[in-house]
N, C-alpha and C. Protein backbone atom coordinates (compact mmCIF):
# COMPACT_ATOMS: atom_id res chain seq x y z
N MET A 1 9.41 -0.88 3.17
CA MET A 1 10.08 0.37 2.66
C MET A 1 8.93 1.22 2.40
N CYS A 2 9.68 2.82 2.77
CA CYS A 2 8.27 3.99 2.10
C CYS A 2 8.18 3.45 0.53
N ILE A 3 7.29 2.49 0.18
CA ILE A 3 7.46 2.37 -1.19
C ILE A 3 6.94 3.52 -2.30
N SER A 4 5.94 4.33 -1.43
CA SER A 4 5.48 5.16 -2.21
C SER A 4 6.08 6.29 -2.64
N CYS A 5 7.59 6.69 -1.94
CA CYS A 5 8.60 7.58 -2.29
C CYS A 5 9.33 7.07 -2.69
N GLY A 6 9.82 5.80 -2.68
CA GLY A 6 11.43 5.02 -3.40
C GLY A 6 12.31 5.25 -2.52
N CYS A 7 12.53 5.91 -0.78
CA CYS A 7 13.43 6.50 -0.33
C CYS A 7 13.96 5.27 -0.06
N GLY A 8 13.91 3.99 0.21
CA GLY A 8 14.19 2.76 0.83
C GLY A 8 14.67 2.35 1.83
N LYS A 9 13.88 3.33 2.99
CA LYS A 9 13.86 3.17 4.45
C LYS A 9 12.39 2.36 4.55
N PHE A 10 13.02 1.23 4.85
CA PHE A 10 11.88 0.24 4.75
C PHE A 10 10.77 0.09 5.79
N GLU A 11 10.98 1.05 6.99
CA GLU A 11 9.56 1.17 8.15
C GLU A 11 9.42 2.36 8.10
N ASP A 12 10.06 3.49 7.44
CA ASP A 12 9.72 4.86 7.69
C ASP A 12 8.65 5.41 6.86
N ALA A 13 7.29 5.60 7.50
CA ALA A 13 6.23 6.27 7.07
C ALA A 13 6.39 8.00 7.16
N HIS A 14 7.45 8.47 7.05
CA HIS A 14 7.74 10.02 7.06
C HIS A 14 6.49 10.67 7.85
N GLY A 15 6.13 10.04 8.92
CA GLY A 15 5.15 10.83 9.81
C GLY A 15 3.59 10.66 9.13
N ASP A 16 3.72 10.22 8.12
CA ASP A 16 2.04 9.99 7.90
C ASP A 16 1.81 8.26 7.22
N GLU A 17 0.77 8.09 7.86
CA GLU A 17 0.43 6.87 7.50
C GLU A 17 0.08 6.22 6.08
N ARG A 18 -0.27 7.14 5.21
CA ARG A 18 -0.61 6.77 4.12
C ARG A 18 0.29 6.20 2.96
N HIS A 19 1.85 6.58 3.71
CA HIS A 19 2.87 5.94 2.77
C HIS A 19 3.01 4.45 3.08
N VAL A 20 3.12 3.57 2.19
CA VAL A 20 3.30 1.99 2.38
C VAL A 20 4.51 1.68 2.82
N THR A 21 4.44 1.09 3.53
CA THR A 21 5.81 0.21 4.41
C THR A 21 5.72 -0.97 4.16
N VAL A 22 6.84 -1.73 4.78
CA VAL A 22 6.58 -3.46 5.03
C VAL A 22 5.54 -3.62 6.12
N ALA A 23 5.35 -2.90 7.03
CA ALA A 23 4.33 -3.02 7.86
C ALA A 23 3.10 -3.05 7.26
N THR A 24 2.67 -1.94 6.17
CA THR A 24 1.67 -2.12 5.88
C THR A 24 1.28 -3.32 5.04
N LEU A 25 2.44 -3.74 4.29
CA LEU A 25 2.34 -5.09 3.32
C LEU A 25 2.35 -6.28 4.35
N GLN A 26 2.57 -6.14 5.47
CA GLN A 26 2.47 -7.16 6.74
C GLN A 26 0.91 -7.42 6.67
N ARG A 27 0.61 -6.50 7.25
CA ARG A 27 -0.84 -6.27 7.65
C ARG A 27 -1.54 -6.90 6.68
N ALA A 28 -1.42 -6.29 4.98
CA ALA A 28 -2.39 -6.86 4.09
C ALA A 28 -2.10 -8.41 4.00
N ALA A 29 -0.75 -8.91 4.23
CA ALA A 29 -0.64 -10.33 4.31
C ALA A 29 -1.47 -11.11 5.44
N ASP A 30 -1.38 -10.25 6.44
CA ASP A 30 -2.38 -11.26 7.56
C ASP A 30 -3.76 -11.16 7.18
N ALA A 31 -4.20 -9.97 6.83
CA ALA A 31 -5.71 -10.02 6.42
C ALA A 31 -6.08 -11.03 5.36
N ALA A 32 -5.51 -11.25 4.55
CA ALA A 32 -5.57 -12.10 3.57
C ALA A 32 -4.93 -13.59 3.59
N ASN A 33 -4.37 -13.97 4.99
CA ASN A 33 -3.80 -14.88 5.23
C ASN A 33 -2.80 -15.64 4.29
N LEU A 34 -1.82 -14.68 3.89
CA LEU A 34 -1.00 -14.73 2.74
C LEU A 34 0.26 -14.54 3.65
N THR A 35 1.50 -14.82 2.89
CA THR A 35 2.80 -14.30 3.55
C THR A 35 3.15 -12.94 2.59
N LEU A 36 4.23 -12.43 3.37
CA LEU A 36 4.43 -11.46 3.01
C LEU A 36 5.32 -11.46 1.35
N GLU A 37 5.95 -12.60 1.05
CA GLU A 37 6.22 -12.88 -0.07
C GLU A 37 4.89 -12.93 -1.30
N GLN A 38 4.13 -13.41 -0.70
CA GLN A 38 3.04 -13.79 -1.59
C GLN A 38 2.16 -12.36 -1.93
N VAL A 39 2.25 -11.35 -1.21
CA VAL A 39 1.71 -10.15 -0.85
C VAL A 39 2.49 -9.22 -2.05
N ILE A 40 3.56 -9.34 -1.72
CA ILE A 40 4.58 -8.80 -2.96
C ILE A 40 4.60 -9.46 -4.43
N GLY A 41 4.40 -10.32 -4.81
CA GLY A 41 4.30 -10.97 -5.81
C GLY A 41 2.94 -10.52 -6.43
N ASN A 42 2.15 -10.75 -5.74
CA ASN A 42 0.46 -10.06 -6.10
C ASN A 42 0.42 -9.05 -6.67
N MET A 43 1.22 -7.97 -5.83
CA MET A 43 1.55 -6.21 -6.05
C MET A 43 2.11 -6.52 -7.28
N ARG A 44 3.04 -7.32 -7.54
CA ARG A 44 4.09 -7.00 -8.55
C ARG A 44 3.24 -7.30 -10.13
N GLN A 45 2.28 -8.42 -9.75
CA GLN A 45 1.53 -8.75 -11.06
C GLN A 45 0.34 -7.62 -11.13
N GLY A 46 0.08 -7.52 -10.20
CA GLY A 46 -1.09 -6.25 -10.28
C GLY A 46 -0.66 -5.02 -10.98
N ALA A 47 0.36 -4.46 -10.45
CA ALA A 47 1.23 -3.17 -10.69
C ALA A 47 1.64 -3.65 -12.57
N SER A 48 2.35 -4.81 -12.56
CA SER A 48 2.22 -5.32 -14.46
C SER A 48 0.90 -5.15 -14.63
N SER A 49 0.06 -5.64 -14.47
CA SER A 49 -1.32 -5.34 -15.20
C SER A 49 -1.82 -3.84 -15.48
N MET A 50 -1.68 -3.07 -14.58
CA MET A 50 -2.03 -1.85 -14.74
C MET A 50 -1.34 -1.07 -15.47
N GLU A 51 -0.02 -1.21 -15.68
CA GLU A 51 0.81 -0.62 -16.59
C GLU A 51 0.49 -1.16 -17.97
N LYS A 52 0.02 -2.41 -18.10
CA LYS A 52 -0.08 -2.59 -19.63
C LYS A 52 -1.73 -2.28 -19.88
N GLY A 53 -2.64 -2.13 -19.05
CA GLY A 53 -3.99 -1.47 -18.99
C GLY A 53 -4.51 -0.59 -18.87
N GLY A 54 -3.54 0.20 -17.98
CA GLY A 54 -4.02 1.73 -17.93
C GLY A 54 -4.20 1.52 -15.93
N ILE A 55 -4.02 2.56 -15.60
CA ILE A 55 -4.32 2.68 -14.00
C ILE A 55 -5.78 3.11 -13.73
N PRO A 56 -6.58 2.21 -13.52
CA PRO A 56 -8.12 2.78 -12.86
C PRO A 56 -8.26 3.93 -12.07
N ASP A 57 -9.32 4.61 -12.36
CA ASP A 57 -9.25 5.86 -11.54
C ASP A 57 -9.99 5.30 -10.27
N HIS A 58 -9.28 5.93 -9.54
CA HIS A 58 -10.02 5.38 -8.04
C HIS A 58 -10.62 6.40 -7.36
N GLN A 59 -11.88 6.98 -7.21
CA GLN A 59 -12.03 8.45 -6.64
C GLN A 59 -11.99 7.63 -5.19
N SER A 60 -12.17 6.99 -4.27
CA SER A 60 -11.93 6.58 -2.99
C SER A 60 -10.95 6.42 -2.66
N ALA A 61 -9.61 7.25 -3.50
CA ALA A 61 -8.40 6.58 -2.92
C ALA A 61 -8.12 7.39 -1.30
N GLY A 62 -7.40 7.16 -0.41
CA GLY A 62 -7.31 7.48 0.32
C GLY A 62 -8.46 7.62 1.58
N GLN A 63 -9.50 7.42 1.24
CA GLN A 63 -10.62 7.40 1.86
C GLN A 63 -11.04 7.16 3.18
N ALA A 64 -10.38 5.73 3.41
CA ALA A 64 -10.15 5.07 4.76
C ALA A 64 -9.48 5.96 5.50
N VAL A 65 -8.30 6.70 4.96
CA VAL A 65 -7.22 7.35 6.20
C VAL A 65 -8.17 8.47 6.59
N LYS A 66 -8.76 9.18 5.43
CA LYS A 66 -9.70 10.46 5.68
C LYS A 66 -10.68 9.97 7.00
N GLU A 67 -11.08 8.92 6.76
CA GLU A 67 -12.33 8.87 7.82
C GLU A 67 -12.01 8.54 9.35
N ARG A 68 -10.79 7.55 9.20
CA ARG A 68 -10.12 7.35 10.32
C ARG A 68 -9.23 8.91 11.08
N LEU A 69 -9.05 9.62 10.40
CA LEU A 69 -8.53 11.14 10.86
C LEU A 69 -9.33 12.19 10.74
N ARG A 70 -10.77 11.75 10.85
CA ARG A 70 -11.52 12.79 10.98
C ARG A 70 -12.05 13.21 12.60
N PRO A 71 -12.04 14.42 12.66
CA PRO A 71 -11.90 14.79 14.22
C PRO A 71 -13.66 14.49 14.61
N ASP A 72 -13.90 13.97 15.79
CA ASP A 72 -14.98 13.48 16.31
C ASP A 72 -16.09 14.61 16.36
């Protein structure tokens, strides 16, 4: 689903690959040799930890996408 906006449309990235979809989660699962369910559980634990301890400042957020979209 487009988890980032909460619309509930599981595969709709709204024309912007920065949105998180089920396909995004599946690619993460494949990269880590995990199931989709394991990745979702890990994300749930990570989100809970960040809620309790503060969200870390991540200055490179979105940098990978910016690099891929940079014109040659």
